[in-house]
């Protein structure tokens, strides 16, 4: 009888172990592909842990809080930044970061130009937009079509060679892109309000 009980315990143990192994094999593993450059990275969406996936839905709220911390007039356009980044397959931090470099996140904008990105500004020549929404849509689309698709830029450093005269411009943009990422990491999703 004692032999039978020990045998049953071993059998249960083996079955439990096999069950755990099967479950472990069926769970997708995190797969990340990154480029050494700060500005270029790719993550397979299906492999991101659930909490990180949920946080992606809060990017507009995160960006709004980040821009508010700089007293930026662009804070109310956070959802437009996110929508246009997705529509044009560009990094969601790029356009806000360019505004950080070019106009202190929209604080130093020529009256009524809605041009916080230095877009097409040379000397006295200033491109005016009807709204920040129009500017975000136009510049996002042009970054994708011209700088990336047409001229082959794949990161902010390659874009910088074409976008700006300053050789340090891309480093400053990358700095603000990293600040946005740091802000996102420091503000977990459960501490942000869902409403914009």
Protein backbone atom coordinates (compact mmCIF):
# COMPACT_ATOMS: atom_id res chain seq x y z
CA UNK A 1 0.00 0.00 0.00
CA UNK A 2 2.81 2.47 0.84
CA UNK A 3 4.46 1.63 -2.47
CA UNK A 4 1.22 2.49 -4.30
CA UNK A 5 0.90 5.93 -2.66
CA UNK A 6 4.51 6.84 -3.52
CA UNK A 7 3.99 5.72 -7.10
CA UNK A 8 0.82 7.87 -7.36
CA UNK A 9 2.67 10.91 -6.00
CA UNK A 10 5.47 10.50 -8.55
CA UNK A 11 2.92 10.09 -11.33
CA UNK A 12 1.11 13.31 -10.26
CA UNK A 13 4.42 15.14 -10.07
CA UNK A 14 5.41 14.08 -13.60
CA UNK A 15 1.99 15.00 -15.01
CA UNK A 16 2.14 18.41 -13.31
CA UNK A 17 5.62 19.01 -14.65
CA UNK A 18 4.57 18.06 -18.20
CA UNK A 19 1.54 20.35 -17.93
CA UNK A 20 3.74 23.31 -16.86
CA UNK A 21 6.19 22.63 -19.69
CA UNK A 22 3.36 22.59 -22.25
CA UNK A 23 1.94 25.85 -20.93
CA UNK A 24 5.37 27.48 -21.01
CA UNK A 25 5.90 26.39 -24.62
CA UNK A 26 2.58 27.86 -25.71
CA UNK A 27 3.25 31.36 -24.29
CA UNK A 28 4.92 33.69 -26.86
CA UNK A 29 8.29 35.04 -25.79
CA UNK A 30 9.27 38.72 -25.96
CA UNK A 31 11.11 39.43 -29.19
CA UNK A 32 12.82 42.75 -29.59
CA UNK A 33 14.79 43.97 -32.59
CA UNK A 34 16.71 47.16 -32.04
CA UNK A 35 19.17 49.24 -33.96
CA UNK A 36 22.15 50.67 -32.09
CA UNK A 37 20.89 54.14 -32.92
CA UNK A 38 18.68 55.77 -30.28
CA UNK A 39 16.16 56.84 -32.87
CA UNK A 40 15.52 53.59 -34.75
CA UNK A 41 13.92 50.57 -33.11
CA UNK A 42 11.32 47.93 -33.84
CA UNK A 43 9.29 45.75 -31.51
CA UNK A 44 6.99 42.95 -32.58
CA UNK A 45 3.61 44.06 -31.21
CA UNK A 46 2.31 40.55 -30.51
CA UNK A 47 5.20 39.79 -28.22
CA UNK A 48 4.94 42.84 -25.93
CA UNK A 49 3.78 42.10 -22.38
CA UNK A 50 0.16 43.09 -21.70
CA UNK A 51 1.02 46.07 -19.46
CA UNK A 52 3.24 47.53 -22.19
CA UNK A 53 0.49 47.03 -24.79
CA UNK A 54 -1.97 48.85 -22.55
CA UNK A 55 0.52 51.70 -22.11
CA UNK A 56 0.63 52.19 -25.89
CA UNK A 57 -3.04 53.22 -25.66
CA UNK A 58 -1.99 55.95 -23.23
CA UNK A 59 0.67 57.56 -25.39
CA UNK A 60 -1.48 60.61 -26.10
CA UNK A 61 -2.03 61.10 -22.36
CA UNK A 62 1.68 60.57 -21.69
CA UNK A 63 2.66 63.03 -24.41
CA UNK A 64 0.12 65.58 -23.17
CA UNK A 65 1.50 65.42 -19.62
CA UNK A 66 5.06 65.66 -20.95
CA UNK A 67 4.26 68.74 -23.06
CA UNK A 68 2.34 70.31 -20.17
CA UNK A 69 5.47 69.97 -18.03
CA UNK A 70 7.09 72.37 -20.53
CA UNK A 71 4.04 74.68 -20.64
CA UNK A 72 3.74 73.82 -24.31
CA UNK A 73 0.82 75.09 -26.39
CA UNK A 74 1.16 71.79 -28.30
CA UNK A 75 -0.13 69.71 -25.35
CA UNK A 76 -3.71 69.85 -26.63
CA UNK A 77 -2.58 68.29 -29.93
CA UNK A 78 -1.11 65.14 -28.39
CA UNK A 79 -3.70 62.86 -29.97
CA UNK A 80 -2.94 64.37 -33.39
CA UNK A 81 0.78 63.65 -32.88
CA UNK A 82 -0.01 60.02 -32.07
CA UNK A 83 -2.52 59.59 -34.91
CA UNK A 84 -0.21 61.09 -37.53
CA UNK A 85 2.82 59.12 -36.31
CA UNK A 86 0.80 55.94 -36.70
CA UNK A 87 -0.68 56.97 -40.08
CA UNK A 88 2.78 57.78 -41.48
CA UNK A 89 4.71 55.02 -39.69
CA UNK A 90 7.11 57.38 -37.91
CA UNK A 91 8.34 57.41 -34.33
CA UNK A 92 5.64 59.04 -32.16
CA UNK A 93 8.26 61.00 -30.23
CA UNK A 94 9.97 62.53 -33.28
CA UNK A 95 7.71 65.46 -34.16
CA UNK A 96 7.25 66.64 -30.55
CA UNK A 97 11.04 66.37 -30.05
CA UNK A 98 11.72 68.43 -33.20
CA UNK A 99 9.35 71.09 -31.80
CA UNK A 100 11.37 70.96 -28.58
CA UNK A 101 14.54 71.83 -30.46
CA UNK A 102 13.09 74.31 -32.93
CA UNK A 103 10.72 76.32 -30.72
CA UNK A 104 10.94 75.09 -27.10
CA UNK A 105 7.85 72.94 -27.74
CA UNK A 106 5.94 75.74 -29.46
CA UNK A 107 6.72 78.51 -26.98
CA UNK A 108 8.86 80.45 -29.49
CA UNK A 109 6.55 80.41 -32.50
CA UNK A 110 6.21 83.35 -34.87
CA UNK A 111 2.77 84.86 -34.32
CA UNK A 112 -0.01 82.80 -35.92
CA UNK A 113 2.40 80.70 -38.01
CA UNK A 114 1.57 77.47 -36.12
CA UNK A 115 5.07 76.44 -37.20
CA UNK A 116 6.81 75.04 -34.13
CA UNK A 117 9.17 72.91 -36.25
CA UNK A 118 11.16 75.49 -38.21
CA UNK A 119 9.57 73.92 -41.28
CA UNK A 120 10.64 75.81 -44.39
CA UNK A 121 11.91 78.79 -42.38
CA UNK A 122 14.91 80.44 -44.02
CA UNK A 123 15.80 84.00 -43.06
CA UNK A 124 12.60 86.02 -43.41
CA UNK A 125 10.78 83.23 -45.24
CA UNK A 126 8.23 81.60 -42.90
CA UNK A 127 5.75 78.89 -43.79
CA UNK A 128 2.42 79.49 -42.11
CA UNK A 129 -0.11 76.79 -41.25
CA UNK A 130 -3.79 77.39 -40.48
CA UNK A 131 -3.53 75.32 -37.27
CA UNK A 132 -1.23 73.05 -35.32
CA UNK A 133 -3.31 70.11 -36.53
CA UNK A 134 -2.56 71.05 -40.14
CA UNK A 135 1.13 71.52 -39.35
CA UNK A 136 1.43 68.14 -37.59
CA UNK A 137 -0.33 66.35 -40.46
CA UNK A 138 1.71 68.10 -43.18
CA UNK A 139 5.11 67.67 -41.53
CA UNK A 140 4.50 64.05 -40.48
CA UNK A 141 3.50 63.13 -44.02
CA UNK A 142 6.47 64.97 -45.53
CA UNK A 143 8.94 63.35 -43.11
CA UNK A 144 7.68 59.95 -44.23
CA UNK A 145 7.37 60.65 -47.96
CA UNK A 146 10.38 62.86 -48.56
CA UNK A 147 12.97 62.27 -45.89
CA UNK A 148 12.36 58.56 -45.33
CA UNK A 149 10.79 57.06 -48.47
CA UNK A 150 12.33 59.31 -51.13
CA UNK A 151 15.73 60.09 -49.60
CA UNK A 152 16.11 56.88 -47.57
CA UNK A 153 16.61 58.29 -44.06
CA UNK A 154 15.98 55.61 -41.43
CA UNK A 155 16.71 57.49 -38.20
CA UNK A 156 16.82 61.00 -36.79
CA UNK A 157 20.54 61.40 -37.55
CA UNK A 158 20.01 60.74 -41.25
CA UNK A 159 16.94 63.00 -41.26
CA UNK A 160 19.00 65.69 -39.52
CA UNK A 161 21.53 65.84 -42.36
CA UNK A 162 18.70 66.86 -44.68
CA UNK A 163 16.42 68.78 -42.28
CA UNK A 164 18.79 71.14 -40.49
CA UNK A 165 21.94 73.10 -41.15
CA UNK A 166 23.30 72.45 -37.65
CA UNK A 167 25.40 69.29 -37.30
CA UNK A 168 24.16 68.92 -33.69
CA UNK A 169 20.44 69.21 -34.51
CA UNK A 170 19.82 65.44 -34.54
CA UNK A 171 21.55 64.98 -31.17
CA UNK A 172 19.27 67.59 -29.63
CA UNK A 173 16.18 65.93 -31.15
CA UNK A 174 17.38 62.52 -29.90
CA UNK A 175 17.82 64.09 -26.45
CA UNK A 176 14.15 65.15 -26.35
CA UNK A 177 13.02 61.80 -27.78
CA UNK A 178 14.82 60.14 -24.88
CA UNK A 179 13.28 62.62 -22.41
CA UNK A 180 9.83 61.60 -23.67
CA UNK A 181 10.74 57.92 -23.20
CA UNK A 182 12.03 58.62 -19.69
CA UNK A 183 8.82 60.49 -18.88
CA UNK A 184 6.78 57.55 -20.19
CA UNK A 185 8.75 55.12 -18.01
CA UNK A 186 8.40 57.36 -14.93
CA UNK A 187 4.63 57.69 -15.36
CA UNK A 188 3.01 54.26 -15.21
CA UNK A 189 -0.31 53.86 -16.97
CA UNK A 190 -2.30 53.56 -13.76
CA UNK A 191 -1.15 57.03 -12.65
CA UNK A 192 -2.45 58.77 -15.79
CA UNK A 193 -5.95 59.97 -16.39
CA UNK A 194 -7.63 58.35 -19.38
CA UNK A 195 -9.28 61.57 -20.49
CA UNK A 196 -7.49 64.05 -22.70
